[in-house]
């Protein structure tokens, strides 16, 4: 055997190995475990003999299950003390005990061993209900049915998606792509009755799914999915057409469509990164700067403009929470953000560090007082290219009604461009600095996850006497974080049903409970 021949075979086998998670389907049931690699090796042998390989067969999927919980935090919110809702399964679907994930049954579909494309449909439906009205109807009402799992032929079966028929507001939209699947690192295993199982397939929310579950963002992690299927005999090859085309059993077009959703388009997080990457992310200059002789100074003025998170603000004032945001202590509305004023603290030019606190407070209330969150004494501590935004946090416990206070709680991590903390004309200015939620902040805003994008931060801090911060509002409240309003419509499916009622269910921030405030912070309890 020549070195070239050996390299060629090794390369082919490597590609076959990467696609093995789906190639197993071709033979797992019909031919037995010992024949898993037959199609690939047969093609290899034919190629080496100089003969044209036969078209790879297609196989029928005769049965199977899909285990998927959509999102654990969504289920907990729905059945929690704010939504006070319930989950109903029907048509053959089951839910695991203790508000667990769902199992959809009766898989039917096909597997194409040439393209490694799968198209499988499952029986069962799940209905999410929350926020009951006085007339006993539900403000939140989403039903998912006819779930399908498809994989993309272009990716060799490594990418795929979950679609469902979505009903809300009495209207149904078919085959809405909800989740993008990544099977590239998934290895198949054996299941009951000769089934092939793909466990814990990573899933992310698609653009269309983000419009159904509005307070989650495209690209956000969903519950992983587990697929278990049984494969029947090979189907008779179709005549004509291109190899690998014509996937049967409902969803050939959906396979490619779901795979494309794996690449989020223009997500809020991407927008935020674009803001960060812009040349003007921090409007500063190192030239012509004069500070105190020792390179240190006192911050004696300035403003902080921050909107926390646009989708949270819209949820609080929307049709579910029916709440409001109140400003006090000198805080002002600044565009769509809030302006905290009278900056004070310290600045060290030589160390490139800033510690600036700002006056003013914002209080979010909703759900007839059950949601009650106040942020005050906001402070930015930064050095070099990193920083933290902290605040004194006051929130009401749902169980007791007591108000729990925590001082200097880190809410956001800031990413600054190099040189951002250099003063110009006696003022340090940060413009639209990207902010992400901290671990501690995620315990306050329980339905968001650490690392998630918040509204960007704009700041000015005067470091020499007589210097003046830039005039005018920053208008950075929305920044790179876009969000639906109560009039947004369902997904890219043509629905004109308002999805505002979905906003709270899909991601309401559960600002309550002992988990919101924790032992690592100074705690004070007042009667609520």
Protein backbone atom coordinates (compact mmCIF):
# COMPACT_ATOMS: atom_id res chain seq x y z
CA UNK A 1 0.00 0.00 0.00
CA UNK A 2 1.38 3.41 -0.91
CA UNK A 3 1.55 6.31 1.55
CA UNK A 4 -0.91 8.26 -0.60
CA UNK A 5 -3.41 5.40 -0.57
CA UNK A 6 -3.10 5.01 3.20
CA UNK A 7 -3.61 8.76 3.76
CA UNK A 8 -6.66 8.77 1.51
CA UNK A 9 -8.27 5.86 3.37
CA UNK A 10 -7.47 7.44 6.75
CA UNK A 11 -9.10 10.69 5.66
CA UNK A 12 -12.22 8.89 4.46
CA UNK A 13 -12.48 6.93 7.69
CA UNK A 14 -12.13 10.12 9.74
CA UNK A 15 -15.02 11.68 7.86
CA UNK A 16 -17.04 8.51 8.28
CA UNK A 17 -16.32 8.56 12.02
CA UNK A 18 -17.61 12.10 12.39
CA UNK A 19 -20.81 11.11 10.67
CA UNK A 20 -21.12 7.83 12.53
CA UNK A 21 -23.68 9.12 15.00
CA UNK A 22 -26.24 9.13 12.20
CA UNK A 23 -24.78 6.43 9.96
CA UNK A 24 -25.54 3.92 12.70
CA UNK A 25 -29.22 4.38 11.93
CA UNK A 26 -28.80 2.71 8.58
CA UNK A 27 -28.04 -0.68 10.04
CA UNK A 28 -28.63 -0.68 13.79
CA UNK A 29 -31.93 -2.51 13.62
CA UNK A 30 -32.22 -3.81 10.08
CA UNK A 31 -28.79 -5.45 9.87
CA UNK A 32 -27.62 -5.80 13.47
CA UNK A 33 -24.85 -4.22 15.52
CA UNK A 34 -22.01 -5.95 13.66
CA UNK A 35 -22.92 -4.24 10.40
CA UNK A 36 -22.82 -0.62 11.65
CA UNK A 37 -20.09 0.47 9.23
CA UNK A 38 -21.09 -1.63 6.20
CA UNK A 39 -22.31 1.22 3.94
CA UNK A 40 -19.15 3.28 4.43
CA UNK A 41 -16.71 0.38 4.00
CA UNK A 42 -18.59 -0.93 0.98
CA UNK A 43 -18.20 2.44 -0.66
CA UNK A 44 -14.48 2.40 0.23
CA UNK A 45 -13.98 -1.01 -1.34
CA UNK A 46 -15.83 -0.07 -4.50
CA UNK A 47 -13.79 3.09 -4.89
CA UNK A 48 -10.49 1.21 -4.53
CA UNK A 49 -11.58 -1.36 -7.10
CA UNK A 50 -12.33 1.42 -9.56
CA UNK A 51 -16.05 0.68 -9.59
CA UNK A 52 -18.77 3.25 -9.02
CA UNK A 53 -20.26 2.80 -5.54
CA UNK A 54 -23.92 1.92 -5.31
CA UNK A 55 -26.34 4.53 -4.05
CA UNK A 56 -26.57 4.38 -0.27
CA UNK A 57 -29.97 3.12 0.88
CA UNK A 58 -32.66 4.93 2.80
CA UNK A 59 -34.23 3.37 5.87
CA UNK A 60 -37.62 3.71 7.50
CA UNK A 61 -37.83 4.83 11.13
CA UNK A 62 -40.59 2.68 12.61
CA UNK A 63 -40.78 3.81 16.24
CA UNK A 64 -39.03 5.89 18.85
CA UNK A 65 -39.22 8.69 21.38
CA UNK A 66 -38.06 12.26 21.88
CA UNK A 67 -37.30 13.38 25.44
CA UNK A 68 -37.20 17.17 25.66
CA UNK A 69 -38.29 19.62 28.35
CA UNK A 70 -38.09 22.83 26.27
CA UNK A 71 -36.44 24.79 29.14
CA UNK A 72 -36.32 23.85 32.80
CA UNK A 73 -36.54 27.44 34.05
CA UNK A 74 -39.60 28.09 31.91
CA UNK A 75 -41.41 25.10 33.43
CA UNK A 76 -40.50 26.24 36.94
CA UNK A 77 -41.68 29.77 36.24
CA UNK A 78 -44.95 28.57 34.77
CA UNK A 79 -45.88 26.50 37.81
CA UNK A 80 -44.40 28.99 40.30
CA UNK A 81 -45.97 31.63 42.51
CA UNK A 82 -46.13 34.36 39.85
CA UNK A 83 -47.63 32.61 36.81
CA UNK A 84 -49.55 30.09 38.98
CA UNK A 85 -50.15 28.00 35.91
CA UNK A 86 -50.01 24.40 34.81
CA UNK A 87 -48.71 22.12 32.10
CA UNK A 88 -50.95 19.66 30.25
CA UNK A 89 -49.73 16.79 28.06
CA UNK A 90 -51.97 14.90 25.63
CA UNK A 91 -52.10 12.74 22.51
CA UNK A 92 -49.55 10.24 23.82
CA UNK A 93 -47.02 12.62 25.35
CA UNK A 94 -45.92 12.17 28.96
CA UNK A 95 -44.24 14.38 31.54
CA UNK A 96 -41.69 13.09 34.03
CA UNK A 97 -42.53 13.46 37.75
CA UNK A 98 -41.70 16.64 39.67
CA UNK A 99 -42.28 18.95 36.72
CA UNK A 100 -39.73 17.09 34.62
CA UNK A 101 -39.18 16.96 30.84
CA UNK A 102 -41.61 15.58 28.27
CA UNK A 103 -41.55 12.37 26.24
CA UNK A 104 -43.05 12.40 22.75
CA UNK A 105 -43.71 8.97 21.27
CA UNK A 106 -44.48 6.96 18.13
CA UNK A 107 -41.63 8.17 15.93
CA UNK A 108 -42.16 7.77 12.19
CA UNK A 109 -39.82 8.94 9.49
CA UNK A 110 -36.77 8.14 7.42
CA UNK A 111 -32.99 8.10 7.44
CA UNK A 112 -30.90 8.71 4.30
CA UNK A 113 -27.54 6.98 4.67
CA UNK A 114 -26.10 8.96 1.74
CA UNK A 115 -26.62 12.38 3.30
CA UNK A 116 -27.10 11.27 6.92
CA UNK A 117 -30.33 13.27 6.96
CA UNK A 118 -33.10 12.28 9.38
CA UNK A 119 -36.73 13.37 9.29
CA UNK A 120 -38.81 12.08 12.20
CA UNK A 121 -42.27 13.03 13.47
CA UNK A 122 -43.54 12.30 16.99
CA UNK A 123 -46.96 11.94 18.57
CA UNK A 124 -48.00 14.01 21.56
CA UNK A 125 -48.63 17.60 22.56
CA UNK A 126 -47.86 19.86 25.50
CA UNK A 127 -49.80 22.95 26.55
CA UNK A 128 -48.41 25.69 28.78
CA UNK A 129 -50.96 27.74 30.75
CA UNK A 130 -50.33 30.64 33.12
CA UNK A 131 -51.74 33.85 34.58
CA UNK A 132 -55.40 32.92 34.85
CA UNK A 133 -57.90 35.71 34.21
CA UNK A 134 -61.09 36.36 36.21
CA UNK A 135 -63.11 34.62 33.47
CA UNK A 136 -60.98 31.47 34.01
CA UNK A 137 -59.20 31.82 30.67
CA UNK A 138 -55.41 32.10 30.55
CA UNK A 139 -53.29 35.11 29.66
CA UNK A 140 -50.50 32.74 28.65
CA UNK A 141 -51.56 29.80 26.48
CA UNK A 142 -49.05 28.01 24.24
CA UNK A 143 -49.54 24.54 22.75
CA UNK A 144 -46.81 22.56 20.98
CA UNK A 145 -47.78 19.56 18.86
CA UNK A 146 -46.56 17.43 15.93
CA UNK A 147 -42.93 17.76 16.97
CA UNK A 148 -40.35 16.86 14.33
CA UNK A 149 -36.62 16.23 14.54
CA UNK A 150 -34.73 16.82 11.31
CA UNK A 151 -31.04 16.93 10.45
CA UNK A 152 -29.32 18.90 7.74
CA UNK A 153 -27.94 16.91 4.82
CA UNK A 154 -25.40 19.65 4.08
CA UNK A 155 -23.76 19.18 7.47
CA UNK A 156 -23.55 15.40 7.16
CA UNK A 157 -26.17 15.07 9.86
CA UNK A 158 -24.19 17.06 12.43
CA UNK A 159 -26.73 19.89 12.64
CA UNK A 160 -30.48 19.72 12.93
CA UNK A 161 -33.54 21.15 14.56
CA UNK A 162 -36.81 20.62 16.38
CA UNK A 163 -39.97 22.04 14.86
CA UNK A 164 -43.53 22.05 16.20
CA UNK A 165 -47.01 23.22 15.35
CA UNK A 166 -47.51 26.19 17.69
CA UNK A 167 -50.97 27.30 18.82
CA UNK A 168 -51.52 30.56 20.65
CA UNK A 169 -54.43 32.96 20.69
CA UNK A 170 -56.55 30.29 19.03
CA UNK A 171 -54.39 30.24 15.90
CA UNK A 172 -51.97 27.52 14.81
CA UNK A 173 -48.77 27.92 12.84
CA UNK A 174 -47.30 24.70 11.42
CA UNK A 175 -43.69 23.58 11.64
CA UNK A 176 -42.26 26.52 13.55
CA UNK A 177 -38.49 25.91 14.02
CA UNK A 178 -37.99 26.16 17.78
CA UNK A 179 -34.58 24.63 18.50
CA UNK A 180 -31.28 24.18 16.66
CA UNK A 181 -29.49 20.91 17.45
CA UNK A 182 -25.75 20.17 17.43
CA UNK A 183 -25.00 16.46 16.97
CA UNK A 184 -21.32 16.87 16.12
CA UNK A 185 -20.12 15.47 19.46
CA UNK A 186 -23.00 13.07 20.13
CA UNK A 187 -22.20 9.36 20.14
CA UNK A 188 -24.98 6.78 19.62
CA UNK A 189 -25.77 4.18 22.23
CA UNK A 190 -28.02 1.15 22.51
CA UNK A 191 -31.60 1.36 23.72
CA UNK A 192 -34.48 -0.94 24.58
CA UNK A 193 -35.61 -3.31 21.85
CA UNK A 194 -32.65 -2.59 19.61
CA UNK A 195 -33.24 1.14 19.47
CA UNK A 196 -30.40 3.55 18.78
CA UNK A 197 -30.21 6.41 21.29
CA UNK A 198 -28.61 9.84 20.99
CA UNK A 199 -28.49 11.29 24.48
CA UNK A 200 -28.24 14.91 25.59
CA UNK A 201 -28.13 16.60 22.20
CA UNK A 202 -27.32 20.30 22.80
CA UNK A 203 -30.18 22.59 21.76
CA UNK A 204 -30.37 26.35 21.28
CA UNK A 205 -33.28 28.69 20.70
CA UNK A 206 -33.83 29.74 17.09
CA UNK A 207 -34.88 33.18 15.87
CA UNK A 208 -38.41 31.92 15.34
CA UNK A 209 -38.43 30.28 18.76
CA UNK A 210 -37.33 33.52 20.39
CA UNK A 211 -40.46 35.16 19.01
CA UNK A 212 -42.62 32.47 20.60
CA UNK A 213 -40.82 32.59 23.95
CA UNK A 214 -40.21 36.30 23.80
CA UNK A 215 -38.14 36.98 26.88
CA UNK A 216 -35.49 34.49 25.79
CA UNK A 217 -33.00 35.39 23.10
CA UNK A 218 -31.95 33.62 19.94
CA UNK A 219 -28.99 31.34 20.59
CA UNK A 220 -29.83 30.80 24.27
CA UNK A 221 -29.38 27.27 25.58
CA UNK A 222 -32.52 25.15 25.90
CA UNK A 223 -32.88 21.76 27.58
CA UNK A 224 -30.88 19.09 25.77
CA UNK A 225 -32.84 16.53 23.74
CA UNK A 226 -32.56 12.74 23.73
CA UNK A 227 -33.60 10.88 20.59
CA UNK A 228 -34.24 7.12 20.54
CA UNK A 229 -35.33 5.43 17.30
CA UNK A 230 -35.89 2.00 15.79
CA UNK A 231 -35.03 1.47 12.14
CA UNK A 232 -36.80 -0.89 9.74
CA UNK A 233 -35.81 -2.31 6.38
CA UNK A 234 -34.15 -0.31 3.66
CA UNK A 235 -36.50 1.53 1.33
CA UNK A 236 -36.42 0.87 -2.40
CA UNK A 237 -34.16 3.40 -4.12
CA UNK A 238 -35.93 6.11 -6.05
CA UNK A 239 -35.26 6.43 -9.77
CA UNK A 240 -33.80 9.65 -11.08
CA UNK A 241 -32.91 12.70 -9.12
CA UNK A 242 -29.78 13.54 -7.21
CA UNK A 243 -28.32 11.12 -4.66
CA UNK A 244 -29.51 11.86 -1.18
CA UNK A 245 -32.49 13.94 -2.25
CA UNK A 246 -36.14 13.27 -1.57
CA UNK A 247 -36.20 12.59 2.17
CA UNK A 248 -39.60 11.12 2.98
CA UNK A 249 -41.89 11.01 6.00
CA UNK A 250 -42.66 14.68 6.24
CA UNK A 251 -39.92 17.24 6.59
CA UNK A 252 -37.32 17.09 3.82
CA UNK A 253 -37.42 20.83 3.41
CA UNK A 254 -37.60 21.29 7.15
CA UNK A 255 -34.30 19.45 7.61
CA UNK A 256 -32.31 22.11 5.82
CA UNK A 257 -34.40 24.87 7.33
CA UNK A 258 -33.84 23.66 10.89
CA UNK A 259 -30.13 23.27 10.27
CA UNK A 260 -29.84 26.84 9.06
CA UNK A 261 -31.38 28.06 12.29
CA UNK A 262 -28.29 26.79 14.10
CA UNK A 263 -26.53 29.94 12.96
CA UNK A 264 -28.32 32.79 14.80
CA UNK A 265 -29.01 35.81 12.65
CA UNK A 266 -28.58 39.28 14.09
CA UNK A 267 -29.16 38.21 17.68
CA UNK A 268 -29.30 40.76 20.48
CA UNK A 269 -26.02 39.37 21.81
CA UNK A 270 -24.38 39.80 18.40
CA UNK A 271 -25.59 43.38 18.23
CA UNK A 272 -24.07 44.03 21.63
CA UNK A 273 -20.74 42.63 20.46
CA UNK A 274 -20.87 44.82 17.39
CA UNK A 275 -21.28 47.82 19.66
CA UNK A 276 -18.28 46.66 21.66
CA UNK A 277 -16.18 46.25 18.55
CA UNK A 278 -16.95 49.69 17.18
CA UNK A 279 -14.15 52.21 17.23
CA UNK A 280 -16.19 54.53 19.41
CA UNK A 281 -17.03 52.01 22.11
CA UNK A 282 -15.15 54.19 24.55
CA UNK A 283 -14.90 57.84 23.56
CA UNK A 284 -11.55 58.59 25.08
CA UNK A 285 -8.13 59.83 23.99
CA UNK A 286 -4.74 59.53 25.62
CA UNK A 287 -3.45 62.69 23.94
CA UNK A 288 -3.36 66.06 25.67
CA UNK A 289 -4.65 64.65 28.94
CA UNK A 290 -3.90 66.36 32.23
CA UNK A 291 -4.63 64.86 35.63
CA UNK A 292 -3.46 65.52 39.17
CA UNK A 293 0.31 65.66 39.57
CA UNK A 294 0.51 62.33 41.39
CA UNK A 295 -1.65 60.60 38.75
CA UNK A 296 -4.56 60.29 41.15
CA UNK A 297 -7.70 62.30 41.58
CA UNK A 298 -11.18 62.53 43.00
CA UNK A 299 -14.29 61.94 40.93
CA UNK A 300 -16.46 64.97 41.63
CA UNK A 301 -19.23 64.70 39.07
CA UNK A 302 -20.64 62.74 36.19
CA UNK A 303 -23.48 60.47 35.14
CA UNK A 304 -24.18 56.77 34.64
CA UNK A 305 -26.71 55.80 31.94
CA UNK A 306 -27.99 52.22 32.13
CA UNK A 307 -31.32 50.55 31.39
CA UNK A 308 -30.62 47.22 33.15
CA UNK A 309 -32.22 45.09 30.39
CA UNK A 310 -34.72 46.24 27.82
CA UNK A 311 -36.76 43.06 27.81
CA UNK A 312 -37.09 43.16 31.57
CA UNK A 313 -38.37 46.73 31.47
CA UNK A 314 -40.95 45.78 28.86
CA UNK A 315 -42.02 42.76 30.89
CA UNK A 316 -42.52 44.82 34.05
CA UNK A 317 -44.73 47.37 32.31
CA UNK A 318 -46.42 44.82 30.02
CA UNK A 319 -49.79 43.04 30.16
CA UNK A 320 -48.62 40.24 32.47
CA UNK A 321 -46.83 42.03 35.32
CA UNK A 322 -48.85 45.25 34.83
CA UNK A 323 -46.21 47.09 36.80
CA UNK A 324 -44.06 50.19 36.64
CA UNK A 325 -40.55 51.55 37.10
CA UNK A 326 -40.14 54.45 39.53
CA UNK A 327 -37.10 56.72 39.77
CA UNK A 328 -35.99 58.48 42.94
CA UNK A 329 -32.99 60.07 44.64
CA UNK A 330 -32.18 62.23 41.63
CA UNK A 331 -32.29 59.49 38.98
CA UNK A 332 -33.78 60.59 35.67
CA UNK A 333 -35.11 59.07 32.49
CA UNK A 334 -32.45 59.27 29.76
CA UNK A 335 -33.84 58.11 26.45
CA UNK A 336 -34.88 54.53 27.06
CA UNK A 337 -32.34 54.18 29.89
CA UNK A 338 -32.06 55.58 33.40
CA UNK A 339 -29.55 58.27 34.36
CA UNK A 340 -27.88 58.07 37.76
CA UNK A 341 -26.23 61.35 38.72
CA UNK A 342 -23.63 63.18 40.83
CA UNK A 343 -20.74 60.81 40.32
CA UNK A 344 -18.26 60.60 43.19
CA UNK A 345 -15.28 58.41 43.96
CA UNK A 346 -11.66 58.05 42.94
CA UNK A 347 -9.55 57.86 39.79
CA UNK A 348 -5.94 56.77 39.31
CA UNK A 349 -4.54 57.55 35.88
CA UNK A 350 -1.24 55.75 36.43
CA UNK A 351 -3.01 52.55 37.45
CA UNK A 352 -5.76 53.03 34.85
CA UNK A 353 -8.45 52.52 37.49
CA UNK A 354 -11.79 54.11 38.33
CA UNK A 355 -14.14 53.72 41.29
CA UNK A 356 -17.22 55.89 40.78
CA UNK A 357 -20.60 55.73 42.55
CA UNK A 358 -23.75 57.55 41.47
CA UNK A 359 -26.85 58.90 43.19
CA UNK A 360 -30.37 57.78 42.36
CA UNK A 361 -32.46 54.64 42.47
CA UNK A 362 -34.88 52.70 40.28
CA UNK A 363 -37.65 50.50 41.69
CA UNK A 364 -39.48 47.87 39.63
CA UNK A 365 -42.87 46.67 40.88
CA UNK A 366 -45.45 44.35 39.33
CA UNK A 367 -47.87 41.51 39.89
CA UNK A 368 -49.79 43.56 42.45
CA UNK A 369 -46.70 44.01 44.60
CA UNK A 370 -45.39 40.44 44.46
CA UNK A 371 -42.52 41.64 42.29
CA UNK A 372 -40.63 44.41 44.08
CA UNK A 373 -37.01 45.16 43.23
CA UNK A 374 -35.02 48.31 43.95
CA UNK A 375 -31.51 49.16 42.73
CA UNK A 376 -29.64 52.06 44.30
CA UNK A 377 -26.10 53.34 44.95
CA UNK A 378 -24.91 52.10 41.58
CA UNK A 379 -21.13 51.94 41.33
CA UNK A 380 -18.63 51.13 38.59
CA UNK A 381 -15.24 49.75 39.57
CA UNK A 382 -12.88 49.29 36.64
CA UNK A 383 -9.21 48.69 36.00
CA UNK A 384 -7.59 48.28 32.63
CA UNK A 385 -10.03 46.53 30.34
CA UNK A 386 -12.38 44.97 32.90
CA UNK A 387 -14.92 46.32 35.31
CA UNK A 388 -17.91 45.56 37.51
CA UNK A 389 -21.19 47.36 38.06
CA UNK A 390 -22.56 46.91 41.58
CA UNK A 391 -25.70 48.13 43.34
CA UNK A 392 -27.49 47.97 46.65
CA UNK A 393 -30.35 45.55 45.96
CA UNK A 394 -33.65 45.40 47.81
CA UNK A 395 -36.15 42.66 46.93
CA UNK A 396 -39.25 41.15 48.48
CA UNK A 397 -39.37 37.48 49.43
CA UNK A 398 -42.43 35.77 48.01
CA UNK A 399 -42.82 33.36 50.89
CA UNK A 400 -42.72 35.83 53.79
CA UNK A 401 -43.27 39.23 52.23
CA UNK A 402 -40.14 40.46 54.01
CA UNK A 403 -37.80 42.84 52.23
CA UNK A 404 -34.20 41.63 52.04
CA UNK A 405 -31.38 44.08 51.37
CA UNK A 406 -27.91 43.35 50.02
CA UNK A 407 -25.22 46.00 49.65
CA UNK A 408 -22.72 46.33 46.80
CA UNK A 409 -23.97 43.30 44.93
CA UNK A 410 -22.11 42.70 41.63
CA UNK A 411 -24.74 42.78 38.87
CA UNK A 412 -22.77 43.22 35.64
CA UNK A 413 -19.32 42.51 34.27
CA UNK A 414 -18.01 45.22 31.96
CA UNK A 415 -15.60 44.81 29.04
CA UNK A 416 -13.64 47.97 28.29
CA UNK A 417 -11.45 48.70 25.25
CA UNK A 418 -7.76 49.30 25.91
CA UNK A 419 -7.17 52.87 27.02
CA UNK A 420 -10.80 53.47 27.89
CA UNK A 421 -9.95 54.77 31.36
CA UNK A 422 -7.77 57.60 30.08
CA UNK A 423 -9.30 60.98 30.84
CA UNK A 424 -9.78 63.60 28.16
CA UNK A 425 -10.15 67.21 29.24
CA UNK A 426 -10.60 66.00 32.80
CA UNK A 427 -13.38 63.53 32.01
CA UNK A 428 -13.34 59.75 31.72
CA UNK A 429 -16.03 58.74 29.24
CA UNK A 430 -17.25 55.23 28.50
CA UNK A 431 -19.77 54.87 25.69
CA UNK A 432 -22.00 51.81 25.22
CA UNK A 433 -19.65 49.47 27.08
CA UNK A 434 -20.90 45.85 26.83
CA UNK A 435 -22.30 44.44 30.09
CA UNK A 436 -23.03 40.82 30.97
CA UNK A 437 -24.89 39.33 33.92
CA UNK A 438 -22.77 38.04 36.82
CA UNK A 439 -23.37 34.84 38.79
CA UNK A 440 -24.66 36.96 41.69
CA UNK A 441 -26.89 38.96 39.37
CA UNK A 442 -28.35 35.78 37.91
CA UNK A 443 -29.62 34.91 41.40
CA UNK A 444 -31.48 38.21 41.51
CA UNK A 445 -32.80 37.99 37.95
CA UNK A 446 -33.50 34.29 38.25
CA UNK A 447 -34.75 33.57 34.76
CA UNK A 448 -31.62 34.96 33.14
CA UNK A 449 -28.31 33.13 33.11
CA UNK A 450 -24.84 34.30 34.05
CA UNK A 451 -23.03 35.68 31.03
CA UNK A 452 -26.18 36.91 29.32
CA UNK A 453 -26.05 40.34 27.70
CA UNK A 454 -27.53 43.27 29.61
CA UNK A 455 -28.05 46.79 28.32
CA UNK A 456 -24.73 48.54 27.60
CA UNK A 457 -23.32 51.06 30.07
CA UNK A 458 -22.48 54.69 29.30
CA UNK A 459 -20.57 56.66 31.93
CA UNK A 460 -18.89 60.03 32.41
CA UNK A 461 -16.77 60.88 35.45
CA UNK A 462 -15.03 64.23 36.03
CA UNK A 463 -11.52 63.88 37.42
CA UNK A 464 -10.35 67.52 37.70
CA UNK A 465 -12.09 70.60 39.14
CA UNK A 466 -14.15 72.53 36.62
CA UNK A 467 -14.40 69.71 34.10
CA UNK A 468 -17.88 69.09 32.75
CA UNK A 469 -19.37 65.77 31.60
CA UNK A 470 -20.88 65.60 28.10
CA UNK A 471 -24.32 67.20 27.87
CA UNK A 472 -27.46 65.42 26.75
CA UNK A 473 -28.91 61.97 27.24
CA UNK A 474 -27.04 58.89 26.27
CA UNK A 475 -30.00 57.00 24.89
CA UNK A 476 -28.25 53.69 25.40
CA UNK A 477 -30.98 51.88 27.26
CA UNK A 478 -31.75 49.54 24.41
CA UNK A 479 -28.25 49.51 22.99
CA UNK A 480 -27.60 46.21 21.27
CA UNK A 481 -30.35 44.44 23.14
CA UNK A 482 -33.48 44.21 21.06
CA UNK A 483 -36.75 42.89 22.32
CA UNK A 484 -40.33 42.25 21.35
CA UNK A 485 -43.19 44.38 22.51
CA UNK A 486 -46.74 43.47 23.26
CA UNK A 487 -47.64 43.91 19.61
CA UNK A 488 -45.00 41.60 18.17
CA UNK A 489 -46.32 38.68 16.17
CA UNK A 490 -45.49 35.01 16.33
CA UNK A 491 -42.24 33.94 14.75
CA UNK A 492 -41.50 34.07 11.06
CA UNK A 493 -44.70 32.20 10.41
CA UNK A 494 -47.08 34.89 9.31
CA UNK A 495 -49.14 34.89 12.49
CA UNK A 496 -50.80 38.14 13.43
CA UNK A 497 -51.69 37.01 16.91
CA UNK A 498 -50.16 39.38 19.51
CA UNK A 499 -47.61 37.54 21.59
CA UNK A 500 -47.29 40.03 24.41
CA UNK A 501 -48.97 37.53 26.76
CA UNK A 502 -46.08 35.17 26.07
CA UNK A 503 -43.53 37.67 27.29
CA UNK A 504 -43.84 36.97 30.97
CA UNK A 505 -44.14 33.23 30.60
CA UNK A 506 -41.16 32.82 28.43
CA UNK A 507 -38.74 34.62 30.64
CA UNK A 508 -40.18 36.64 33.49
CA UNK A 509 -37.49 37.50 35.96
CA UNK A 510 -38.36 35.81 39.20
CA UNK A 511 -37.17 38.45 41.61
CA UNK A 512 -37.93 36.66 44.81
CA UNK A 513 -37.10 33.98 47.32
CA UNK A 514 -34.14 33.23 49.51
CA UNK A 515 -32.15 32.31 46.42
CA UNK A 516 -32.22 35.92 45.26
CA UNK A 517 -29.99 37.11 48.08
CA UNK A 518 -27.25 34.95 49.52
CA UNK A 519 -24.91 34.53 52.41
CA UNK A 520 -21.83 36.01 50.78
CA UNK A 521 -23.39 39.47 50.94
CA UNK A 522 -24.27 41.61 53.96
CA UNK A 523 -27.94 41.01 54.72
CA UNK A 524 -30.46 43.16 56.47
CA UNK A 525 -34.11 42.23 56.92
CA UNK A 526 -36.97 44.69 57.22
CA UNK A 527 -40.62 44.02 57.61
CA UNK A 528 -42.50 44.16 54.31
